[in-house]
C-alpha atoms as a PDB file:
ATOM      1  CA  UNK A   1      -4.623 -12.644   8.064  1.00  0.00           C
ATOM      2  CA  UNK A   2      -6.271 -10.875   5.267  1.00  0.00           C
ATOM      3  CA  UNK A   3      -8.073 -12.598   2.008  1.00  0.00           C
ATOM      4  CA  UNK A   4      -7.592 -10.983  -0.872  1.00  0.00           C
ATOM      5  CA  UNK A   5      -8.653 -11.211  -4.459  1.00  0.00           C
ATOM      6  CA  UNK A   6      -7.038 -11.897  -7.836  1.00  0.00           C
ATOM      7  CA  UNK A   7      -7.625  -9.313 -10.668  1.00  0.00           C
ATOM      8  CA  UNK A   8      -8.815  -9.667 -14.420  1.00  0.00           C
ATOM      9  CA  UNK A   9      -4.791  -9.411 -15.129  1.00  0.00           C
ATOM     10  CA  UNK A  10      -3.559 -11.830 -12.269  1.00  0.00           C
ATOM     11  CA  UNK A  11      -3.271  -8.510 -10.100  1.00  0.00           C
ATOM     12  CA  UNK A  12      -3.478  -9.226  -6.076  1.00  0.00           C
ATOM     13  CA  UNK A  13      -5.462  -7.080  -4.069  1.00  0.00           C
ATOM     14  CA  UNK A  14      -5.568  -6.144  -0.361  1.00  0.00           C
ATOM     15  CA  UNK A  15      -8.374  -4.210   1.440  1.00  0.00           C
ATOM     16  CA  UNK A  16      -7.296  -2.125   3.821  1.00  0.00           C
ATOM     17  CA  UNK A  17      -8.525   1.078   5.411  1.00  0.00           C
ATOM     18  CA  UNK A  18      -6.682   4.552   5.431  1.00  0.00           C
ATOM     19  CA  UNK A  19      -6.887   5.995   9.178  1.00  0.00           C
ATOM     20  CA  UNK A  20      -7.213   9.786   9.020  1.00  0.00           C
ATOM     21  CA  UNK A  21      -5.641  11.935  11.246  1.00  0.00           C
ATOM     22  CA  UNK A  22      -9.415  12.516  12.621  1.00  0.00           C
ATOM     23  CA  UNK A  23      -9.551   8.555  13.223  1.00  0.00           C
ATOM     24  CA  UNK A  24     -11.933   8.083   9.781  1.00  0.00           C
ATOM     25  CA  UNK A  25     -11.249   5.060   8.359  1.00  0.00           C
ATOM     26  CA  UNK A  26     -11.370   4.957   4.285  1.00  0.00           C
ATOM     27  CA  UNK A  27     -11.920   1.396   2.631  1.00  0.00           C
ATOM     28  CA  UNK A  28      -9.372   1.265  -0.236  1.00  0.00           C
ATOM     29  CA  UNK A  29      -8.245  -1.384  -2.560  1.00  0.00           C
ATOM     30  CA  UNK A  30      -4.585  -2.036  -2.348  1.00  0.00           C
ATOM     31  CA  UNK A  31      -2.842  -3.975  -5.137  1.00  0.00           C
ATOM     32  CA  UNK A  32       0.210  -5.882  -4.284  1.00  0.00           C
ATOM     33  CA  UNK A  33       3.499  -4.821  -6.144  1.00  0.00           C
ATOM     34  CA  UNK A  34       6.563  -7.088  -5.271  1.00  0.00           C
ATOM     35  CA  UNK A  35       8.888  -4.463  -7.240  1.00  0.00           C
ATOM     36  CA  UNK A  36       8.593  -1.866  -4.703  1.00  0.00           C
ATOM     37  CA  UNK A  37      10.039  -2.472  -1.904  1.00  0.00           C
ATOM     38  CA  UNK A  38       8.530  -0.134   0.715  1.00  0.00           C
ATOM     39  CA  UNK A  39       5.274  -0.804   2.694  1.00  0.00           C
ATOM     40  CA  UNK A  40       2.507   1.352   0.806  1.00  0.00           C
ATOM     41  CA  UNK A  41       2.907   3.670  -2.088  1.00  0.00           C
ATOM     42  CA  UNK A  42      -0.509   6.446  -3.377  1.00  0.00           C
ATOM     43  CA  UNK A  43      -0.927   9.110  -5.240  1.00  0.00           C
ATOM     44  CA  UNK A  44      -0.109  12.631  -3.401  1.00  0.00           C
ATOM     45  CA  UNK A  45      -3.413  13.931  -4.378  1.00  0.00           C
ATOM     46  CA  UNK A  46      -5.304  11.044  -2.639  1.00  0.00           C
ATOM     47  CA  UNK A  47      -3.433  12.049   0.518  1.00  0.00           C
ATOM     48  CA  UNK A  48      -5.576  15.291   0.837  1.00  0.00           C
ATOM     49  CA  UNK A  49      -7.970  15.093   4.000  1.00  0.00           C
ATOM     50  CA  UNK A  50      -6.125  11.926   5.534  1.00  0.00           C
ATOM     51  CA  UNK A  51      -3.875  14.351   8.041  1.00  0.00           C
ATOM     52  CA  UNK A  52      -0.301  12.618   7.724  1.00  0.00           C
ATOM     53  CA  UNK A  53       2.700  13.256   8.913  1.00  0.00           C
ATOM     54  CA  UNK A  54       5.020  14.861   6.091  1.00  0.00           C
ATOM     55  CA  UNK A  55       8.153  12.952   6.531  1.00  0.00           C
ATOM     56  CA  UNK A  56      11.102  13.737   3.636  1.00  0.00           C
ATOM     57  CA  UNK A  57      11.809  13.736  -0.050  1.00  0.00           C
ATOM     58  CA  UNK A  58      13.383  10.701  -1.612  1.00  0.00           C
ATOM     59  CA  UNK A  59      14.514   9.627  -5.170  1.00  0.00           C
ATOM     60  CA  UNK A  60      13.752   6.315  -6.048  1.00  0.00           C
ATOM     61  CA  UNK A  61      14.153   4.022  -9.464  1.00  0.00           C
ATOM     62  CA  UNK A  62      10.931   3.186 -10.959  1.00  0.00           C
ATOM     63  CA  UNK A  63       9.866   1.475 -14.021  1.00  0.00           C
ATOM     64  CA  UNK A  64       9.677   5.274 -15.676  1.00  0.00           C
ATOM     65  CA  UNK A  65      13.229   6.118 -14.447  1.00  0.00           C
ATOM     66  CA  UNK A  66      14.023   8.030 -11.304  1.00  0.00           C
ATOM     67  CA  UNK A  67      11.141   9.695  -9.481  1.00  0.00           C
ATOM     68  CA  UNK A  68      10.612  12.057  -6.471  1.00  0.00           C
ATOM     69  CA  UNK A  69       8.473  10.937  -3.909  1.00  0.00           C
ATOM     70  CA  UNK A  70       7.071  12.280  -0.379  1.00  0.00           C
ATOM     71  CA  UNK A  71       7.500  10.528   2.557  1.00  0.00           C
ATOM     72  CA  UNK A  72       4.191  10.596   5.408  1.00  0.00           C
ATOM     73  CA  UNK A  73       3.936   8.832   8.332  1.00  0.00           C
ATOM     74  CA  UNK A  74       0.289   7.110   7.565  1.00  0.00           C
ATOM     75  CA  UNK A  75      -1.388   5.286   9.619  1.00  0.00           C
ATOM     76  CA  UNK A  76      -3.228   2.002   7.929  1.00  0.00           C
ATOM     77  CA  UNK A  77      -5.455  -0.982   9.405  1.00  0.00           C
ATOM     78  CA  UNK A  78      -5.302  -4.234   7.687  1.00  0.00           C
ATOM     79  CA  UNK A  79      -7.529  -7.216   8.557  1.00  0.00           C
ATOM     80  CA  UNK A  80      -8.121  -4.926  12.337  1.00  0.00           C
ATOM     81  CA  UNK A  81      -4.585  -4.909  12.783  1.00  0.00           C
ATOM     82  CA  UNK A  82      -2.802  -0.980  12.905  1.00  0.00           C
ATOM     83  CA  UNK A  83      -0.031  -0.041  11.568  1.00  0.00           C
ATOM     84  CA  UNK A  84       2.187   2.875  11.482  1.00  0.00           C
ATOM     85  CA  UNK A  85       3.709   2.809   8.175  1.00  0.00           C
ATOM     86  CA  UNK A  86       6.482   5.034   6.096  1.00  0.00           C
ATOM     87  CA  UNK A  87       3.764   5.892   2.790  1.00  0.00           C
ATOM     88  CA  UNK A  88       5.468   6.895  -0.245  1.00  0.00           C
ATOM     89  CA  UNK A  89       3.447   9.584  -2.188  1.00  0.00           C
ATOM     90  CA  UNK A  90       4.303   9.802  -6.010  1.00  0.00           C
ATOM     91  CA  UNK A  91       2.264  12.376  -8.734  1.00  0.00           C
ATOM     92  CA  UNK A  92       2.282   9.472 -11.269  1.00  0.00           C
ATOM     93  CA  UNK A  93       0.493   6.502  -9.450  1.00  0.00           C
ATOM     94  CA  UNK A  94      -2.594   5.338 -10.221  1.00  0.00           C
ATOM     95  CA  UNK A  95      -3.910   2.307  -7.745  1.00  0.00           C
ATOM     96  CA  UNK A  96      -2.518   2.413  -3.979  1.00  0.00           C
ATOM     97  CA  UNK A  97       0.252  -0.314  -3.893  1.00  0.00           C
ATOM     98  CA  UNK A  98       1.457  -2.863  -1.388  1.00  0.00           C
ATOM     99  CA  UNK A  99       5.483  -3.689  -1.527  1.00  0.00           C
ATOM    100  CA  UNK A 100       7.120  -5.941  -0.336  1.00  0.00           C
ATOM    101  CA  UNK A 101       8.435  -5.083   2.785  1.00  0.00           C
ATOM    102  CA  UNK A 102       5.246  -6.821   4.360  1.00  0.00           C
ATOM    103  CA  UNK A 103       7.061  -9.525   3.249  1.00  0.00           C
ATOM    104  CA  UNK A 104       9.373  -8.945   6.061  1.00  0.00           C
ATOM    105  CA  UNK A 105       6.347  -9.375   8.742  1.00  0.00           C
ATOM    106  CA  UNK A 106       3.425 -11.273   6.896  1.00  0.00           C
ATOM    107  CA  UNK A 107       3.515 -14.424   4.989  1.00  0.00           C
ATOM    108  CA  UNK A 108       1.958 -13.669   1.843  1.00  0.00           C
ATOM    109  CA  UNK A 109       0.043 -16.898  -0.002  1.00  0.00           C
ATOM    110  CA  UNK A 110      -1.184 -17.044  -3.978  1.00  0.00           C
ATOM    111  CA  UNK A 111      -2.256 -19.972  -5.035  1.00  0.00           C
ATOM    112  CA  UNK A 112      -4.067 -19.155  -8.427  1.00  0.00           C
ATOM    113  CA  UNK A 113      -5.543 -22.757  -8.620  1.00  0.00           C
ATOM    114  CA  UNK A 114      -7.049 -23.128  -5.875  1.00  0.00           C
ATOM    115  CA  UNK A 115      -8.337 -19.266  -5.495  1.00  0.00           C
ATOM    116  CA  UNK A 116      -6.288 -18.546  -2.358  1.00  0.00           C
ATOM    117  CA  UNK A 117      -5.113 -15.168  -1.648  1.00  0.00           C
ATOM    118  CA  UNK A 118      -3.738 -14.369   1.834  1.00  0.00           C
ATOM    119  CA  UNK A 119      -1.441 -11.972   3.710  1.00  0.00           C
ATOM    120  CA  UNK A 120      -0.709 -12.469   7.132  1.00  0.00           C
END
């Protein structure tokens, strides 16, 4: 189980590690976005140095209209558990996003009143 934090505007943040091809772990905060239906999305330039394998291009409908994303096979660690997942990379993303695909395998608990935020 991973404990998260609430942002100033009610955002849901979880710390995760991006695992580079050479095994180096890079800690980042991922913002949970239930409107994104994949596992993870991030800015394409942030992939530099991770040495993840390119899989394919795919068009997705976003709040800004249809956009082309580059999909990579990425490796991340959430609370010590390692996952190999498809990672959507785009040019206009300002946050690392965790999407609703996680809800198919991990339960999300968000209780603002009690200050409890967990995934898993």
